[in-house]
Protein backbone atom coordinates (compact mmCIF):
# COMPACT_ATOMS: atom_id res chain seq x y z
CA MET A 1 114.43 184.36 113.13
CA ALA A 2 116.10 184.76 109.76
CA GLN A 3 119.73 184.41 109.54
CA PRO A 4 121.52 187.34 107.60
CA PRO A 5 122.93 185.76 104.13
CA ARG A 6 126.50 184.46 104.64
CA ARG A 7 129.06 186.19 102.16
CA THR A 8 130.57 183.81 99.43
CA THR A 9 134.19 182.97 99.65
CA LEU A 10 134.75 185.32 96.93
CA SER A 11 133.11 188.26 98.43
CA GLU A 12 135.26 187.23 101.86
CA ARG A 13 138.28 187.36 99.83
CA LEU A 14 137.38 190.78 98.14
CA LEU A 15 136.85 192.00 101.47
CA GLN A 16 140.16 191.01 102.92
CA ILE A 17 141.85 192.44 99.98
CA SER A 18 140.17 195.60 100.02
CA THR A 19 140.96 195.91 103.77
CA TRP A 20 144.74 195.16 102.95
CA VAL A 21 144.77 197.72 100.19
CA SER A 22 143.00 200.25 102.59
CA MET A 23 145.60 199.74 105.00
CA VAL A 24 148.74 200.19 102.76
CA ARG A 25 147.18 203.18 101.29
CA ASN A 26 147.14 204.46 104.87
CA PHE A 27 150.23 203.68 105.99
CA TRP A 28 151.74 204.93 102.46
CA TRP A 29 150.35 208.47 103.31
CA VAL A 30 151.94 208.21 106.89
CA LEU A 31 155.31 207.38 105.56
CA VAL A 32 154.82 210.66 102.93
CA ALA A 33 153.78 212.86 105.78
CA MET A 34 156.81 211.55 108.07
CA GLY A 35 159.01 212.00 104.96
CA GLY A 36 158.00 215.37 104.45
CA LEU A 37 158.40 216.38 108.22
CA VAL A 38 161.71 214.85 108.37
CA ALA A 39 162.79 216.68 105.15
CA GLY A 40 161.37 220.21 106.77
CA ILE A 41 163.40 219.53 109.84
CA ILE A 42 166.49 219.04 107.98
CA LEU A 43 166.21 222.00 105.95
CA LEU A 44 165.89 224.23 109.15
CA LEU A 45 168.82 222.57 110.73
CA ASN A 46 170.77 223.35 107.83
CA LYS A 47 170.03 227.08 108.44
CA SER A 48 170.94 226.82 112.17
CA GLN A 49 174.08 227.26 113.54
CA LEU A 50 174.62 223.71 114.64
CA SER A 51 177.75 221.74 113.51
CA GLU A 52 177.10 218.78 110.96
CA GLY A 53 177.58 216.23 114.03
CA GLY A 54 174.81 218.18 116.05
CA ARG A 55 172.44 218.19 113.03
CA ILE A 56 172.89 214.47 112.48
CA ALA A 57 172.20 213.59 116.12
CA VAL A 58 169.13 215.80 115.95
CA VAL A 59 167.54 214.17 112.84
CA ALA A 60 168.52 210.79 114.67
CA VAL A 61 166.61 211.58 117.57
CA ILE A 62 163.47 212.96 115.80
CA VAL A 63 163.73 209.90 113.24
CA ALA A 64 163.71 207.34 116.24
CA ALA A 65 160.81 209.44 117.98
CA ILE A 66 158.77 209.01 114.84
CA CYS A 67 159.52 205.48 113.93
CA LEU A 68 159.27 203.37 117.34
CA PRO A 69 155.88 204.32 117.92
CA GLY A 70 155.04 203.72 114.48
CA GLY A 71 156.79 200.62 114.61
CA ALA A 72 155.11 199.54 117.97
CA MET A 73 151.75 200.49 116.26
CA LEU A 74 152.51 198.35 113.30
CA HIS A 75 153.38 195.46 115.61
CA ARG A 76 149.98 195.79 117.29
CA TYR A 77 147.53 196.31 114.63
CA VAL A 78 149.01 194.32 111.90
CA PHE A 79 151.39 191.46 113.15
CA ARG A 80 149.92 190.62 116.68
CA ARG A 81 146.40 190.45 115.13
CA ARG A 82 147.78 187.75 112.48
CA GLU A 83 149.45 185.73 115.30
CA ALA A 84 145.98 185.81 117.15
CA PRO A 85 143.22 185.96 115.03
CA LEU A 86 140.77 185.13 117.53
CA GLY A 87 142.04 188.12 119.69
CA TYR A 88 143.54 186.27 122.47
CA ARG A 89 146.58 184.25 123.74
CA TRP A 90 147.43 181.14 125.62
CA ARG A 91 148.91 182.18 129.16
CA GLY A 92 149.29 178.56 130.44
CA VAL A 93 147.63 175.09 130.18
CA SER A 94 147.34 171.69 131.88
CA TYR A 95 146.28 168.17 130.92
CA THR A 96 145.48 165.76 133.38
CA TYR A 97 145.07 162.07 131.97
CA SER A 98 143.71 159.38 134.18
CA PHE A 99 142.75 155.67 133.87
CA ASP A 100 139.71 153.97 135.55
CA ALA A 101 140.88 151.33 137.98
CA HIS A 102 138.45 148.63 137.13
CA ASP A 103 139.07 148.98 133.29
CA LEU A 104 142.05 150.54 131.96
CA ARG A 105 140.30 151.16 128.64
CA ARG A 106 138.06 153.89 130.41
CA HIS A 107 140.17 157.24 130.33
CA GLN A 108 139.53 160.70 131.49
CA GLN A 109 141.53 163.94 130.39
CA GLU A 110 141.00 167.15 132.07
CA MET A 111 142.11 170.69 130.35
CA ALA A 112 142.38 173.77 131.96
CA VAL A 113 143.77 177.02 129.90
CA GLU A 114 143.96 180.60 130.90
CA ILE A 115 143.66 182.98 127.93
CA GLU A 116 144.41 186.80 127.88
CA ALA A 117 142.72 188.87 125.49
CA LEU A 118 144.78 190.99 123.02
CA ARG A 119 141.77 193.40 122.03
CA ASP A 120 138.23 194.19 123.25
CA ASN A 121 135.40 192.03 122.87
CA VAL A 122 137.00 188.39 122.72
CA THR A 123 134.24 185.90 123.05
CA LEU A 124 135.37 182.52 121.27
CA PHE A 125 137.94 180.06 122.13
CA SER A 126 139.19 177.43 119.70
CA ASN A 127 140.50 174.07 120.36
CA ARG A 128 141.65 170.52 119.09
CA TYR A 129 142.48 167.07 120.05
CA ASN A 130 143.58 163.92 118.73
CA TRP A 131 142.98 160.50 120.59
CA SER A 132 144.89 157.24 119.64
CA GLY A 133 142.29 155.13 121.14
CA ARG A 134 139.48 153.72 119.11
CA GLY A 135 136.01 153.18 120.48
CA GLU A 136 133.49 155.34 122.28
CA MET A 137 134.07 159.12 122.83
CA SER A 138 131.86 160.99 124.90
CA GLU A 139 131.01 164.69 124.24
CA ILE A 140 133.00 167.15 125.85
CA ALA A 141 131.51 168.98 128.90
CA LEU A 142 132.50 172.33 130.48
CA THR A 143 133.30 172.50 134.11
CA SER A 144 133.91 176.45 133.78
CA ASN A 145 131.31 178.85 134.43
CA SER A 146 129.64 181.54 132.10
CA GLN A 147 130.55 179.63 128.94
CA ILE A 148 128.77 177.80 126.23
CA LEU A 149 130.26 174.68 124.45
CA LEU A 150 130.00 174.55 120.75
CA ASP A 151 130.96 171.10 119.62
CA ASP A 152 129.91 168.52 116.80
CA PRO A 153 131.24 165.17 115.86
CA ARG A 154 131.55 166.40 112.43
CA MET A 155 134.16 169.05 113.12
CA VAL A 156 136.97 166.76 112.24
CA ILE A 157 139.95 167.64 110.15
CA GLN A 158 142.93 165.13 109.09
CA GLY A 159 141.95 163.17 112.35
CA TRP A 160 141.73 166.23 114.77
CA ARG A 161 138.48 167.01 116.25
CA TYR A 162 137.64 170.96 116.89
CA TYR A 163 135.60 172.69 119.38
CA TYR A 164 134.70 176.06 120.36
CA VAL A 165 134.06 177.67 123.69
CA HIS A 166 131.70 180.77 123.54
CA SER A 167 131.99 183.18 126.53
CA LEU A 168 128.67 184.79 127.85
CA GLN A 169 130.81 187.71 129.04
CA PRO A 170 133.08 189.45 126.38
CA LEU A 171 136.83 190.02 127.47
CA LEU A 172 138.26 193.32 127.06
CA GLN A 173 141.92 193.92 126.23
CA GLY A 174 144.01 192.49 129.10
CA ASP A 175 141.39 190.37 130.76
CA LYS A 176 142.34 186.83 131.85
CA ARG A 177 139.67 184.05 131.39
CA LYS A 178 139.85 180.38 132.51
CA ILE A 179 138.70 177.62 130.52
CA SER A 180 137.99 174.18 131.69
CA VAL A 181 136.70 170.87 129.82
CA ILE A 182 136.64 167.36 130.85
CA GLN A 183 136.53 164.15 128.39
CA ARG A 184 135.76 160.66 128.81
CA PHE A 185 136.91 158.15 126.36
CA PHE A 186 136.22 154.00 126.06
CA ASP A 187 139.01 152.28 124.35
CA GLU A 188 137.26 149.51 123.12
CA GLU A 189 139.61 147.96 120.67
CA GLY A 190 142.63 148.72 123.16
CA ALA A 191 144.52 150.81 120.58
CA PHE A 192 145.53 153.48 123.04
CA GLU A 193 149.14 154.63 122.50
CA ALA A 194 151.01 155.20 125.78
CA HIS A 195 151.55 158.89 125.78
CA LEU A 196 150.09 162.39 126.91
CA SER A 197 151.10 164.78 124.19
CA LYS A 198 150.64 168.53 123.55
CA HIS A 199 151.65 169.97 119.94
CA VAL A 200 152.08 173.75 120.92
CA ARG A 201 150.66 176.06 118.16
CA GLU A 202 149.98 179.15 120.46
CA PRO A 203 152.89 181.25 122.05
CA MET A 204 152.14 180.19 125.55
CA ASP A 205 154.06 180.85 129.19
CA GLU A 206 153.68 177.47 130.71
CA LEU A 207 152.72 173.71 129.92
CA PHE A 208 151.88 171.32 132.56
CA LEU A 209 151.07 167.57 131.51
CA ARG A 210 150.16 165.04 134.03
CA VAL A 211 149.36 161.34 134.01
CA ILE A 212 147.39 159.44 136.75
CA PHE A 213 147.53 155.52 136.96
CA PRO A 214 145.26 153.33 139.07
CA GLU A 215 146.58 151.70 142.01
CA GLY A 216 149.04 148.60 141.18
CA ARG A 217 149.11 149.57 137.54
CA ILE A 218 151.88 152.55 137.49
CA PRO A 219 154.85 151.59 135.37
CA ALA A 220 158.22 151.62 136.93
CA GLU A 221 160.19 155.18 136.75
CA GLU A 222 162.68 153.48 133.89
CA ASP A 223 159.88 153.09 131.81
CA PHE A 224 158.93 156.42 131.64
CA SER A 225 160.09 159.42 129.32
CA ALA A 226 159.58 163.08 128.71
CA VAL A 227 160.54 164.54 125.30
CA GLU A 228 160.49 167.59 123.15
CA ARG A 229 159.96 166.58 119.59
CA LYS A 230 160.10 168.73 116.31
CA GLY A 231 156.45 168.71 114.81
CA LEU A 232 153.99 166.17 115.88
CA ARG A 233 154.52 163.10 118.09
CA ASP A 234 156.06 161.15 115.37
CA GLY A 235 158.66 164.10 114.78
CA LYS A 236 162.34 163.84 115.55
CA VAL A 237 163.27 163.84 119.41
CA VAL A 238 165.22 167.17 119.96
CA LYS A 239 165.56 167.04 123.90
CA TRP A 240 164.94 164.70 126.60
CA LEU A 241 163.25 166.44 129.48
CA ASP A 242 163.10 165.85 133.28
CA PHE A 243 159.85 164.91 134.91
CA GLU A 244 158.68 163.99 138.37
CA TYR A 245 157.69 160.43 139.16
CA ASP A 246 155.80 159.68 142.34
CA ALA A 247 154.90 156.22 142.98
CA THR A 248 153.10 156.78 146.16
CA THR A 249 150.39 159.05 144.47
CA ARG A 250 150.90 157.11 140.93
CA VAL A 251 151.40 160.43 139.37
CA VAL A 252 153.79 161.33 136.62
CA SER A 253 154.16 164.91 135.38
CA LEU A 254 156.15 167.50 133.30
CA LYS A 255 156.09 170.92 133.52
CA VAL A 256 157.69 173.19 130.72
CA SER A 257 158.31 176.94 130.75
CA LYS A 258 158.00 178.88 127.39
CA PRO A 259 157.33 175.95 125.25
CA ARG A 260 158.44 176.54 121.39
CA ARG A 261 155.88 176.94 119.01
CA LYS A 262 155.55 173.96 116.39
CA PHE A 263 157.02 171.63 118.98
CA SER A 264 155.36 168.91 120.79
CA TYR A 265 156.04 167.84 124.41
CA SER A 266 155.09 164.59 125.83
CA ILE A 267 155.11 162.03 128.58
CA GLU A 268 155.67 158.41 127.17
CA TRP A 269 155.67 155.23 128.60
CA THR A 270 155.59 151.32 128.26
CA TRP A 271 153.21 149.00 130.26
CA ASP A 272 151.13 146.15 130.14
CA TYR A 273 148.01 147.54 128.39
CA PRO A 274 144.95 145.82 126.61
CA GLY A 275 146.41 145.72 122.98
CA ALA A 276 149.94 146.17 123.91
CA THR A 277 150.25 149.36 121.93
CA GLY A 278 152.97 151.25 123.81
């Protein structure tokens, strides 16, 4: 089947401009209508027997009754859409990172995120990752149902590899959906940096990080730290965070409620690893 011709960058830009012009024009007429309505009400009140304080109170109530729904509508259809161009928000996400017991250079990461649709017909989820190791990187695999993975090794921008998940069942506004993926890596050069980090770009309710070590290879508790940084992992440390350490299960975990946008949260440690880079 022939694909429809793709719009050029110029035509896309013109379409965006025309959309904004139309929106501004519509809001202008709404403001004019509101102004006329308020002016008419003030004129009627001036002819009434109410005191000056009473007239002011009535006008204030009417203006609030008009402006509050208008402001809510503006936030919903303009600012909220700008914050979530794909039409959803992250409710919570968990990352679990583990190492092969026979070869520490073999790693696995499991990611599970719950999203909530902010409008109808949401079908596409976008994500990215950055791995510090150097070597074989297997393709990502979906472990959640009724979804299709869209991934290509060429989708790399400034060291970040992007991928997309298409839902076969579109979400309606308010619907929630869980997306789970698994990745496997082989750090052939032993260059992996000892940390599990998440740079928060999206508002979310909860972030959960967990690292599982093989038997006999978990570092001591004092070799771990959990931090909040401004920006990416090499940014300034803003806060030292509490984490959970369990030498029996060999699990170290960090839970953050309402993580801040544009900040990074990470579990970091030092240990005896091939290449000694952490």
